[in-house]
Amino acid sequence: MTSARKTLLTGLVVFVAGLALWLFGLDEEIFIFTPSKAGVVMMVLGGLEFLYGVYKAVRGDEPERSS
């Protein structure tokens, strides 16, 4: 799997996990954090990582491997 695909997949997984926390953690409160707020942060970070993967895929920059 190329680096751009890994970045796209990772960003999508983090976004979906954040979305699940945001949807199902609205009325929950854990000792230190609120799951819904952590979910929003994860959605933002996942979205940014996904966009970075799109950028890498469009640009086509793959690091050269030296043997």
N, C-alpha and C. Protein backbone atom coordinates (compact mmCIF):
# COMPACT_ATOMS: atom_id res chain seq x y z
N MET A 1 0.85 -1.17 0.00
CA MET A 1 0.00 0.00 0.00
C MET A 1 0.90 1.24 0.00
N THR A 2 0.57 2.20 -0.79
CA THR A 2 1.40 3.39 -0.88
C THR A 2 1.18 4.28 0.34
N SER A 3 2.10 5.21 0.50
CA SER A 3 2.03 6.11 1.65
C SER A 3 0.77 6.98 1.61
N ALA A 4 0.37 7.42 0.42
CA ALA A 4 -0.82 8.25 0.31
C ALA A 4 -2.07 7.47 0.71
N ARG A 5 -2.14 6.20 0.30
CA ARG A 5 -3.30 5.39 0.67
C ARG A 5 -3.36 5.13 2.17
N LYS A 6 -2.20 4.91 2.77
CA LYS A 6 -2.16 4.69 4.21
C LYS A 6 -2.64 5.94 4.95
N THR A 7 -2.22 7.09 4.48
CA THR A 7 -2.64 8.34 5.10
C THR A 7 -4.14 8.56 4.93
N LEU A 8 -4.66 8.27 3.76
CA LEU A 8 -6.10 8.39 3.52
C LEU A 8 -6.89 7.45 4.44
N LEU A 9 -6.44 6.21 4.53
CA LEU A 9 -7.14 5.22 5.35
C LEU A 9 -7.08 5.58 6.83
N THR A 10 -5.91 6.00 7.29
CA THR A 10 -5.76 6.37 8.70
C THR A 10 -6.63 7.58 9.04
N GLY A 11 -6.65 8.57 8.18
CA GLY A 11 -7.47 9.75 8.41
C GLY A 11 -8.95 9.40 8.45
N LEU A 12 -9.37 8.50 7.57
CA LEU A 12 -10.77 8.10 7.54
C LEU A 12 -11.16 7.33 8.80
N VAL A 13 -10.27 6.45 9.27
CA VAL A 13 -10.56 5.67 10.47
C VAL A 13 -10.65 6.57 11.70
N VAL A 14 -9.73 7.54 11.80
CA VAL A 14 -9.76 8.47 12.94
C VAL A 14 -11.03 9.33 12.88
N PHE A 15 -11.42 9.75 11.68
CA PHE A 15 -12.63 10.56 11.54
C PHE A 15 -13.87 9.77 11.97
N VAL A 16 -13.96 8.51 11.53
CA VAL A 16 -15.13 7.69 11.87
C VAL A 16 -15.17 7.39 13.37
N ALA A 17 -14.00 7.13 13.97
CA ALA A 17 -13.96 6.90 15.41
C ALA A 17 -14.40 8.16 16.17
N GLY A 18 -13.96 9.32 15.71
CA GLY A 18 -14.38 10.57 16.33
C GLY A 18 -15.87 10.82 16.15
N LEU A 19 -16.38 10.47 15.00
CA LEU A 19 -17.81 10.63 14.75
C LEU A 19 -18.63 9.74 15.69
N ALA A 20 -18.16 8.51 15.90
CA ALA A 20 -18.85 7.61 16.82
C ALA A 20 -18.82 8.16 18.25
N LEU A 21 -17.67 8.68 18.68
CA LEU A 21 -17.59 9.28 20.01
C LEU A 21 -18.52 10.47 20.14
N TRP A 22 -18.58 11.29 19.10
CA TRP A 22 -19.42 12.48 19.15
C TRP A 22 -20.91 12.10 19.18
N LEU A 23 -21.29 11.12 18.38
CA LEU A 23 -22.71 10.74 18.32
C LEU A 23 -23.18 10.02 19.57
N PHE A 24 -22.37 9.12 20.09
CA PHE A 24 -22.83 8.27 21.19
C PHE A 24 -22.32 8.73 22.55
N GLY A 25 -21.53 9.79 22.60
CA GLY A 25 -21.00 10.24 23.88
C GLY A 25 -21.52 11.59 24.31
N LEU A 26 -22.66 12.01 23.77
CA LEU A 26 -23.18 13.35 24.08
C LEU A 26 -23.60 13.49 25.54
N ASP A 27 -24.19 12.47 26.11
CA ASP A 27 -24.68 12.59 27.48
C ASP A 27 -23.81 11.86 28.49
N GLU A 28 -22.62 11.46 28.08
CA GLU A 28 -21.69 10.76 28.96
C GLU A 28 -20.62 11.73 29.45
N GLU A 29 -20.09 11.47 30.62
CA GLU A 29 -18.97 12.25 31.12
C GLU A 29 -18.05 11.31 31.90
N ILE A 30 -16.82 11.25 31.43
CA ILE A 30 -15.81 10.43 32.09
C ILE A 30 -14.97 11.37 32.96
N PHE A 31 -14.30 10.84 33.93
CA PHE A 31 -13.59 11.62 34.94
C PHE A 31 -12.82 12.82 34.37
N ILE A 32 -12.03 12.64 33.34
CA ILE A 32 -11.16 13.72 32.85
C ILE A 32 -11.73 14.42 31.62
N PHE A 33 -12.39 13.71 30.74
CA PHE A 33 -12.83 14.31 29.48
C PHE A 33 -14.26 13.93 29.15
N THR A 34 -14.81 14.66 28.20
CA THR A 34 -16.14 14.37 27.67
C THR A 34 -15.97 13.71 26.30
N PRO A 35 -16.50 12.53 26.09
CA PRO A 35 -16.29 11.83 24.81
C PRO A 35 -16.74 12.64 23.59
N SER A 36 -17.79 13.42 23.72
CA SER A 36 -18.26 14.18 22.56
C SER A 36 -17.24 15.24 22.15
N LYS A 37 -16.59 15.87 23.11
CA LYS A 37 -15.57 16.88 22.78
C LYS A 37 -14.32 16.22 22.21
N ALA A 38 -13.95 15.08 22.76
CA ALA A 38 -12.81 14.34 22.21
C ALA A 38 -13.12 13.87 20.79
N GLY A 39 -14.37 13.52 20.55
CA GLY A 39 -14.79 13.09 19.21
C GLY A 39 -14.67 14.20 18.19
N VAL A 40 -15.02 15.42 18.58
CA VAL A 40 -14.90 16.55 17.66
C VAL A 40 -13.43 16.79 17.32
N VAL A 41 -12.57 16.71 18.31
CA VAL A 41 -11.13 16.89 18.07
C VAL A 41 -10.61 15.79 17.14
N MET A 42 -11.04 14.55 17.38
CA MET A 42 -10.62 13.45 16.51
C MET A 42 -11.14 13.61 15.09
N MET A 43 -12.36 14.12 14.93
CA MET A 43 -12.91 14.35 13.59
C MET A 43 -12.09 15.40 12.85
N VAL A 44 -11.70 16.46 13.53
CA VAL A 44 -10.90 17.51 12.89
C VAL A 44 -9.54 16.94 12.48
N LEU A 45 -8.88 16.23 13.39
CA LEU A 45 -7.57 15.67 13.07
C LEU A 45 -7.66 14.62 11.96
N GLY A 46 -8.68 13.78 11.99
CA GLY A 46 -8.87 12.79 10.94
C GLY A 46 -9.15 13.44 9.59
N GLY A 47 -9.95 14.49 9.60
CA GLY A 47 -10.23 15.21 8.35
C GLY A 47 -8.98 15.86 7.78
N LEU A 48 -8.16 16.44 8.65
CA LEU A 48 -6.91 17.05 8.18
C LEU A 48 -5.96 16.00 7.61
N GLU A 49 -5.88 14.86 8.28
CA GLU A 49 -5.02 13.79 7.78
C GLU A 49 -5.53 13.23 6.46
N PHE A 50 -6.84 13.11 6.33
CA PHE A 50 -7.42 12.66 5.07
C PHE A 50 -7.11 13.64 3.94
N LEU A 51 -7.25 14.93 4.22
CA LEU A 51 -6.93 15.93 3.20
C LEU A 51 -5.45 15.90 2.83
N TYR A 52 -4.58 15.65 3.81
CA TYR A 52 -3.16 15.53 3.51
C TYR A 52 -2.91 14.31 2.62
N GLY A 53 -3.62 13.23 2.84
CA GLY A 53 -3.51 12.05 1.98
C GLY A 53 -3.97 12.34 0.57
N VAL A 54 -5.04 13.12 0.43
CA VAL A 54 -5.50 13.52 -0.91
C VAL A 54 -4.43 14.36 -1.59
N TYR A 55 -3.83 15.28 -0.85
CA TYR A 55 -2.76 16.11 -1.40
C TYR A 55 -1.59 15.25 -1.87
N LYS A 56 -1.19 14.28 -1.05
CA LYS A 56 -0.08 13.41 -1.43
C LYS A 56 -0.42 12.56 -2.64
N ALA A 57 -1.66 12.12 -2.74
CA ALA A 57 -2.08 11.30 -3.88
C ALA A 57 -2.11 12.11 -5.17
N VAL A 58 -2.59 13.33 -5.08
CA VAL A 58 -2.67 14.18 -6.27
C VAL A 58 -1.29 14.62 -6.72
N ARG A 59 -0.47 14.97 -5.77
CA ARG A 59 0.87 15.46 -6.10
C ARG A 59 1.76 14.32 -6.60
N GLY A 60 1.54 13.14 -6.07
CA GLY A 60 2.31 11.99 -6.55
C GLY A 60 3.72 11.93 -6.02
N ASP A 61 4.00 12.55 -4.90
CA ASP A 61 5.34 12.52 -4.32
C ASP A 61 5.50 11.28 -3.47
N GLU A 62 6.25 10.36 -3.96
CA GLU A 62 6.62 9.18 -3.18
C GLU A 62 8.11 9.29 -2.90
N PRO A 63 8.50 9.06 -1.68
CA PRO A 63 9.93 9.14 -1.38
C PRO A 63 10.71 8.07 -2.13
N GLU A 64 11.88 8.47 -2.64
CA GLU A 64 12.71 7.51 -3.36
C GLU A 64 13.36 6.57 -2.36
N ARG A 65 13.38 5.31 -2.72
CA ARG A 65 13.97 4.31 -1.83
C ARG A 65 15.39 4.02 -2.31
N SER A 66 16.30 4.06 -1.39
CA SER A 66 17.67 3.73 -1.74
C SER A 66 17.98 2.31 -1.27
N SER A 67 18.71 1.58 -2.07
CA SER A 67 19.03 0.19 -1.72
C SER A 67 20.34 0.10 -1.01
